[in-house]
Amino acid sequence: MKIKIIKDELVHEGKFLKTIHRHFKTQSGKKGTWEMVQRKVFHRIIGVIGITENKEIILVKIFRIPVKSFIIEPVMGLTDKKGESEIKTVKRELLEETGYVAKKFIRLTVGPHNGGLSGSETALYCALGAKKIQEPKLEISEDISVVKIPFSKISRFLAHPPKGCQIDIKVFGLLYLLKSKSFIE
């Protein structure tokens, strides 16, 4: 490795995030500082995309304050409850944000969430046999609605999202994974 990490310096600690200066040294001996953030979680960030028995994909439309826009994305959540397993977080977030439960949960992939900004990892799941059992139970800061798209219309939907909405880039990768594993057509 050409870069050596020297130390982390805590710059700010908020309720959900820490701002850190990560000091490093290059192979040539030059010192540098990388500004980064860390989520205050117990495990990974999770994401889950539901698939109903009627061949529909379950996503959410959520207002994201940092981008000042609605985003179409998988259900996303933090493992911020001490002692809660990753799969329990996935099930809880799906139920809270969409009102859906599923018969089977499959982890599709794990990787960096935003490698230039944070050391956080995201685990992305598929929820097979998703079925609505209740209305969503949203937190006060959440403006979320469920988006149900038939498999046959997903390409058109992504090419022409609803007015005022952006598509989270994770959706495209998840659809690729779902198709490669034959979960969707």
C-alpha atoms as a PDB file:
ATOM      1  CA  MET A   1       0.000   0.000   0.000  1.00  0.00           C
ATOM      2  CA  LYS A   2       1.352   3.399  -0.960  1.00  0.00           C
ATOM      3  CA  ILE A   3      -0.581   5.371   1.660  1.00  0.00           C
ATOM      4  CA  LYS A   4      -0.137   4.915   5.407  1.00  0.00           C
ATOM      5  CA  ILE A   5      -2.897   6.028   7.777  1.00  0.00           C
ATOM      6  CA  ILE A   6      -1.375   7.917  10.703  1.00  0.00           C
ATOM      7  CA  LYS A   7      -4.344   8.806  12.923  1.00  0.00           C
ATOM      8  CA  ASP A   8      -7.943   9.980  13.043  1.00  0.00           C
ATOM      9  CA  GLU A   9      -8.803  13.315  14.626  1.00  0.00           C
ATOM     10  CA  LEU A  10     -12.392  13.896  15.773  1.00  0.00           C
ATOM     11  CA  VAL A  11     -13.484  17.332  14.544  1.00  0.00           C
ATOM     12  CA  HIS A  12     -17.187  17.235  15.439  1.00  0.00           C
ATOM     13  CA  GLU A  13     -19.561  14.698  16.956  1.00  0.00           C
ATOM     14  CA  GLY A  14     -23.274  15.104  16.334  1.00  0.00           C
ATOM     15  CA  LYS A  15     -26.245  12.893  17.159  1.00  0.00           C
ATOM     16  CA  PHE A  16     -25.889  10.698  14.037  1.00  0.00           C
ATOM     17  CA  LEU A  17     -22.529  11.615  12.452  1.00  0.00           C
ATOM     18  CA  LYS A  18     -18.914  12.258  13.338  1.00  0.00           C
ATOM     19  CA  THR A  19     -16.674  14.517  11.250  1.00  0.00           C
ATOM     20  CA  ILE A  20     -13.113  13.240  11.176  1.00  0.00           C
ATOM     21  CA  HIS A  21      -9.781  14.397   9.784  1.00  0.00           C
ATOM     22  CA  ARG A  22      -7.877  11.264   8.754  1.00  0.00           C
ATOM     23  CA  HIS A  23      -4.168  12.043   8.674  1.00  0.00           C
ATOM     24  CA  PHE A  24      -2.050  10.013   6.245  1.00  0.00           C
ATOM     25  CA  LYS A  25       1.408   9.819   4.683  1.00  0.00           C
ATOM     26  CA  THR A  26       2.168   9.015   1.034  1.00  0.00           C
ATOM     27  CA  GLN A  27       4.929   6.675  -0.158  1.00  0.00           C
ATOM     28  CA  SER A  28       7.094   9.733  -0.846  1.00  0.00           C
ATOM     29  CA  GLY A  29       6.649  10.900   2.755  1.00  0.00           C
ATOM     30  CA  LYS A  30       4.215  13.740   2.043  1.00  0.00           C
ATOM     31  CA  LYS A  31       1.606  14.195   4.795  1.00  0.00           C
ATOM     32  CA  GLY A  32      -2.021  14.898   4.069  1.00  0.00           C
ATOM     33  CA  THR A  33      -5.434  15.131   5.703  1.00  0.00           C
ATOM     34  CA  TRP A  34      -8.677  13.653   4.376  1.00  0.00           C
ATOM     35  CA  GLU A  35     -11.966  15.110   5.577  1.00  0.00           C
ATOM     36  CA  MET A  36     -14.549  12.390   6.145  1.00  0.00           C
ATOM     37  CA  VAL A  37     -17.673  11.485   8.066  1.00  0.00           C
ATOM     38  CA  GLN A  38     -18.673   8.391   9.999  1.00  0.00           C
ATOM     39  CA  ARG A  39     -22.209   7.295  10.803  1.00  0.00           C
ATOM     40  CA  LYS A  40     -22.852   6.414  14.411  1.00  0.00           C
ATOM     41  CA  VAL A  41     -24.228   2.922  13.899  1.00  0.00           C
ATOM     42  CA  PHE A  42     -23.641  -0.526  15.383  1.00  0.00           C
ATOM     43  CA  HIS A  43     -23.264  -2.330  12.040  1.00  0.00           C
ATOM     44  CA  ARG A  44     -23.693  -1.520   8.360  1.00  0.00           C
ATOM     45  CA  ILE A  45     -26.226   0.722   6.673  1.00  0.00           C
ATOM     46  CA  ILE A  46     -28.909  -1.485   5.120  1.00  0.00           C
ATOM     47  CA  GLY A  47     -30.996  -1.234   1.986  1.00  0.00           C
ATOM     48  CA  VAL A  48     -33.836  -3.491   0.883  1.00  0.00           C
ATOM     49  CA  ILE A  49     -35.909  -3.734  -2.255  1.00  0.00           C
ATOM     50  CA  GLY A  50     -39.181  -5.637  -1.972  1.00  0.00           C
ATOM     51  CA  ILE A  51     -40.607  -7.940  -4.617  1.00  0.00           C
ATOM     52  CA  THR A  52     -44.284  -8.891  -4.435  1.00  0.00           C
ATOM     53  CA  GLU A  53     -45.834 -12.159  -5.587  1.00  0.00           C
ATOM     54  CA  ASN A  54     -47.534 -10.069  -8.330  1.00  0.00           C
ATOM     55  CA  LYS A  55     -44.111  -9.287  -9.854  1.00  0.00           C
ATOM     56  CA  GLU A  56     -43.897  -5.729  -8.550  1.00  0.00           C
ATOM     57  CA  ILE A  57     -40.851  -3.959  -7.159  1.00  0.00           C
ATOM     58  CA  ILE A  58     -41.277  -2.000  -3.927  1.00  0.00           C
ATOM     59  CA  LEU A  59     -39.243   1.193  -3.637  1.00  0.00           C
ATOM     60  CA  VAL A  60     -39.847   4.399  -1.699  1.00  0.00           C
ATOM     61  CA  LYS A  61     -40.138   8.035  -2.679  1.00  0.00           C
ATOM     62  CA  ILE A  62     -38.474   9.991   0.116  1.00  0.00           C
ATOM     63  CA  PHE A  63     -37.677  13.672   0.535  1.00  0.00           C
ATOM     64  CA  ARG A  64     -33.940  13.926   1.195  1.00  0.00           C
ATOM     65  CA  ILE A  65     -33.072  17.208   2.898  1.00  0.00           C
ATOM     66  CA  PRO A  66     -29.401  17.372   1.723  1.00  0.00           C
ATOM     67  CA  VAL A  67     -30.413  17.314  -1.972  1.00  0.00           C
ATOM     68  CA  LYS A  68     -33.691  19.247  -1.432  1.00  0.00           C
ATOM     69  CA  SER A  69     -35.559  16.752  -3.597  1.00  0.00           C
ATOM     70  CA  PHE A  70     -37.600  13.587  -3.596  1.00  0.00           C
ATOM     71  CA  ILE A  71     -35.533  10.493  -4.345  1.00  0.00           C
ATOM     72  CA  ILE A  72     -36.763   7.102  -5.533  1.00  0.00           C
ATOM     73  CA  GLU A  73     -34.649   4.576  -3.647  1.00  0.00           C
ATOM     74  CA  PRO A  74     -34.688   1.235  -1.879  1.00  0.00           C
ATOM     75  CA  VAL A  75     -35.801   1.259   1.742  1.00  0.00           C
ATOM     76  CA  MET A  76     -32.679   2.413   3.597  1.00  0.00           C
ATOM     77  CA  GLY A  77     -31.912   2.286   7.290  1.00  0.00           C
ATOM     78  CA  LEU A  78     -29.304   2.424   9.992  1.00  0.00           C
ATOM     79  CA  THR A  79     -28.439  -0.314  12.432  1.00  0.00           C
ATOM     80  CA  ASP A  80     -28.792   2.200  15.226  1.00  0.00           C
ATOM     81  CA  LYS A  81     -30.471  -0.026  17.834  1.00  0.00           C
ATOM     82  CA  LYS A  82     -27.954  -1.707  20.116  1.00  0.00           C
ATOM     83  CA  GLY A  83     -28.113  -5.493  19.909  1.00  0.00           C
ATOM     84  CA  GLU A  84     -30.285  -5.543  16.775  1.00  0.00           C
ATOM     85  CA  SER A  85     -28.982  -7.844  14.044  1.00  0.00           C
ATOM     86  CA  GLU A  86     -28.627  -6.681  10.463  1.00  0.00           C
ATOM     87  CA  ILE A  87     -31.512  -8.865   9.270  1.00  0.00           C
ATOM     88  CA  LYS A  88     -33.775  -7.583  12.060  1.00  0.00           C
ATOM     89  CA  THR A  89     -32.939  -4.032  10.959  1.00  0.00           C
ATOM     90  CA  VAL A  90     -33.828  -4.943   7.360  1.00  0.00           C
ATOM     91  CA  LYS A  91     -37.197  -6.394   8.433  1.00  0.00           C
ATOM     92  CA  ARG A  92     -37.942  -3.463  10.768  1.00  0.00           C
ATOM     93  CA  GLU A  93     -37.117  -0.801   8.190  1.00  0.00           C
ATOM     94  CA  LEU A  94     -39.173  -2.500   5.460  1.00  0.00           C
ATOM     95  CA  LEU A  95     -42.186  -2.693   7.771  1.00  0.00           C
ATOM     96  CA  GLU A  96     -41.810   0.848   9.180  1.00  0.00           C
ATOM     97  CA  GLU A  97     -41.269   2.617   5.846  1.00  0.00           C
ATOM     98  CA  THR A  98     -43.622   0.588   3.628  1.00  0.00           C
ATOM     99  CA  GLY A  99     -45.958  -1.485   5.813  1.00  0.00           C
ATOM    100  CA  TYR A 100     -44.686  -4.629   4.031  1.00  0.00           C
ATOM    101  CA  VAL A 101     -43.320  -7.898   5.383  1.00  0.00           C
ATOM    102  CA  ALA A 102     -41.677 -10.609   3.283  1.00  0.00           C
ATOM    103  CA  LYS A 103     -41.384 -14.400   3.231  1.00  0.00           C
ATOM    104  CA  LYS A 104     -37.650 -14.462   2.512  1.00  0.00           C
ATOM    105  CA  PHE A 105     -34.739 -12.016   2.754  1.00  0.00           C
ATOM    106  CA  ILE A 106     -31.578 -12.497   0.706  1.00  0.00           C
ATOM    107  CA  ARG A 107     -28.439 -10.384   1.040  1.00  0.00           C
ATOM    108  CA  LEU A 108     -27.380  -9.403  -2.478  1.00  0.00           C
ATOM    109  CA  THR A 109     -24.147  -7.511  -1.837  1.00  0.00           C
ATOM    110  CA  VAL A 110     -22.089  -5.495   0.664  1.00  0.00           C
ATOM    111  CA  GLY A 111     -19.817  -2.593  -0.162  1.00  0.00           C
ATOM    112  CA  PRO A 112     -18.741   0.991   0.512  1.00  0.00           C
ATOM    113  CA  HIS A 113     -21.598   3.461   0.692  1.00  0.00           C
ATOM    114  CA  ASN A 114     -19.574   6.459  -0.492  1.00  0.00           C
ATOM    115  CA  GLY A 115     -15.867   5.604  -0.316  1.00  0.00           C
ATOM    116  CA  GLY A 116     -14.672   9.183  -0.819  1.00  0.00           C
ATOM    117  CA  LEU A 117     -16.776  10.541   2.039  1.00  0.00           C
ATOM    118  CA  SER A 118     -17.134   7.784   4.599  1.00  0.00           C
ATOM    119  CA  GLY A 119     -15.874   4.402   5.706  1.00  0.00           C
ATOM    120  CA  SER A 120     -19.480   3.166   6.022  1.00  0.00           C
ATOM    121  CA  GLU A 121     -20.566  -0.047   4.341  1.00  0.00           C
ATOM    122  CA  THR A 122     -24.026  -0.814   2.995  1.00  0.00           C
ATOM    123  CA  ALA A 123     -25.613  -4.254   2.827  1.00  0.00           C
ATOM    124  CA  LEU A 124     -28.299  -4.510   0.128  1.00  0.00           C
ATOM    125  CA  TYR A 125     -31.087  -7.064   0.447  1.00  0.00           C
ATOM    126  CA  CYS A 126     -33.972  -8.429  -1.576  1.00  0.00           C
ATOM    127  CA  ALA A 127     -37.279  -9.138   0.198  1.00  0.00           C
ATOM    128  CA  LEU A 128     -39.120 -11.883  -1.699  1.00  0.00           C
ATOM    129  CA  GLY A 129     -42.886 -12.391  -1.373  1.00  0.00           C
ATOM    130  CA  ALA A 130     -43.434  -8.888   0.005  1.00  0.00           C
ATOM    131  CA  LYS A 131     -46.970  -8.326   1.263  1.00  0.00           C
ATOM    132  CA  LYS A 132     -48.564  -5.245   2.811  1.00  0.00           C
ATOM    133  CA  ILE A 133     -49.899  -5.831   6.319  1.00  0.00           C
ATOM    134  CA  GLN A 134     -50.172  -2.296   7.714  1.00  0.00           C
ATOM    135  CA  GLU A 135     -49.733   1.371   6.946  1.00  0.00           C
ATOM    136  CA  PRO A 136     -46.152   2.708   7.230  1.00  0.00           C
ATOM    137  CA  LYS A 137     -45.072   4.061  10.639  1.00  0.00           C
ATOM    138  CA  LEU A 138     -42.834   6.984   9.760  1.00  0.00           C
ATOM    139  CA  GLU A 139     -40.572   9.041  11.979  1.00  0.00           C
ATOM    140  CA  ILE A 140     -41.365  12.743  12.303  1.00  0.00           C
ATOM    141  CA  SER A 141     -38.531  13.710   9.910  1.00  0.00           C
ATOM    142  CA  GLU A 142     -39.614  11.242   7.193  1.00  0.00           C
ATOM    143  CA  ASP A 143     -41.667  12.192   4.136  1.00  0.00           C
ATOM    144  CA  ILE A 144     -41.997   8.790   2.461  1.00  0.00           C
ATOM    145  CA  SER A 145     -44.468   7.136   0.130  1.00  0.00           C
ATOM    146  CA  VAL A 146     -44.384   3.623  -1.309  1.00  0.00           C
ATOM    147  CA  VAL A 147     -43.677   3.196  -5.028  1.00  0.00           C
ATOM    148  CA  LYS A 148     -44.870  -0.114  -6.493  1.00  0.00           C
ATOM    149  CA  ILE A 149     -43.722  -0.783 -10.073  1.00  0.00           C
ATOM    150  CA  PRO A 150     -44.542  -3.864 -12.175  1.00  0.00           C
ATOM    151  CA  PHE A 151     -41.430  -5.608 -13.571  1.00  0.00           C
ATOM    152  CA  SER A 152     -42.691  -4.915 -17.085  1.00  0.00           C
ATOM    153  CA  LYS A 153     -42.687  -1.139 -16.483  1.00  0.00           C
ATOM    154  CA  ILE A 154     -39.475  -0.646 -14.484  1.00  0.00           C
ATOM    155  CA  SER A 155     -37.270   0.399 -17.427  1.00  0.00           C
ATOM    156  CA  ARG A 156     -39.742   3.059 -18.546  1.00  0.00           C
ATOM    157  CA  PHE A 157     -40.214   4.254 -14.962  1.00  0.00           C
ATOM    158  CA  LEU A 158     -36.464   4.693 -14.444  1.00  0.00           C
ATOM    159  CA  ALA A 159     -36.064   6.459 -17.798  1.00  0.00           C
ATOM    160  CA  HIS A 160     -38.971   8.808 -16.972  1.00  0.00           C
ATOM    161  CA  PRO A 161     -39.213   9.227 -13.190  1.00  0.00           C
ATOM    162  CA  PRO A 162     -42.094  11.200 -11.684  1.00  0.00           C
ATOM    163  CA  LYS A 163     -41.748  14.971 -11.985  1.00  0.00           C
ATOM    164  CA  GLY A 164     -39.678  16.404  -9.155  1.00  0.00           C
ATOM    165  CA  CYS A 165     -38.001  13.061  -8.364  1.00  0.00           C
ATOM    166  CA  GLN A 166     -34.506  11.746  -8.868  1.00  0.00           C
ATOM    167  CA  ILE A 167     -33.521   8.070  -8.988  1.00  0.00           C
ATOM    168  CA  ASP A 168     -30.937   6.923  -6.438  1.00  0.00           C
ATOM    169  CA  ILE A 169     -28.082   5.274  -8.304  1.00  0.00           C
ATOM    170  CA  LYS A 170     -28.263   2.212  -6.012  1.00  0.00           C
ATOM    171  CA  VAL A 171     -31.543   1.263  -7.714  1.00  0.00           C
ATOM    172  CA  PHE A 172     -29.765   0.534 -11.019  1.00  0.00           C
ATOM    173  CA  GLY A 173     -27.211  -1.735  -9.348  1.00  0.00           C
ATOM    174  CA  LEU A 174     -29.894  -3.533  -7.383  1.00  0.00           C
ATOM    175  CA  LEU A 175     -31.932  -4.173 -10.518  1.00  0.00           C
ATOM    176  CA  TYR A 176     -28.867  -5.622 -12.207  1.00  0.00           C
ATOM    177  CA  LEU A 177     -28.297  -7.942  -9.229  1.00  0.00           C
ATOM    178  CA  LEU A 178     -31.967  -8.957  -9.128  1.00  0.00           C
ATOM    179  CA  LYS A 179     -31.954  -9.796 -12.841  1.00  0.00           C
ATOM    180  CA  SER A 180     -28.626 -11.649 -12.676  1.00  0.00           C
ATOM    181  CA  LYS A 181     -30.015 -13.851  -9.880  1.00  0.00           C
ATOM    182  CA  SER A 182     -33.313 -14.331 -11.792  1.00  0.00           C
ATOM    183  CA  PHE A 183     -35.431 -12.703  -9.056  1.00  0.00           C
ATOM    184  CA  ILE A 184     -36.946 -10.449 -11.720  1.00  0.00           C
ATOM    185  CA  GLU A 185     -37.344 -10.824 -15.483  1.00  0.00           C
END
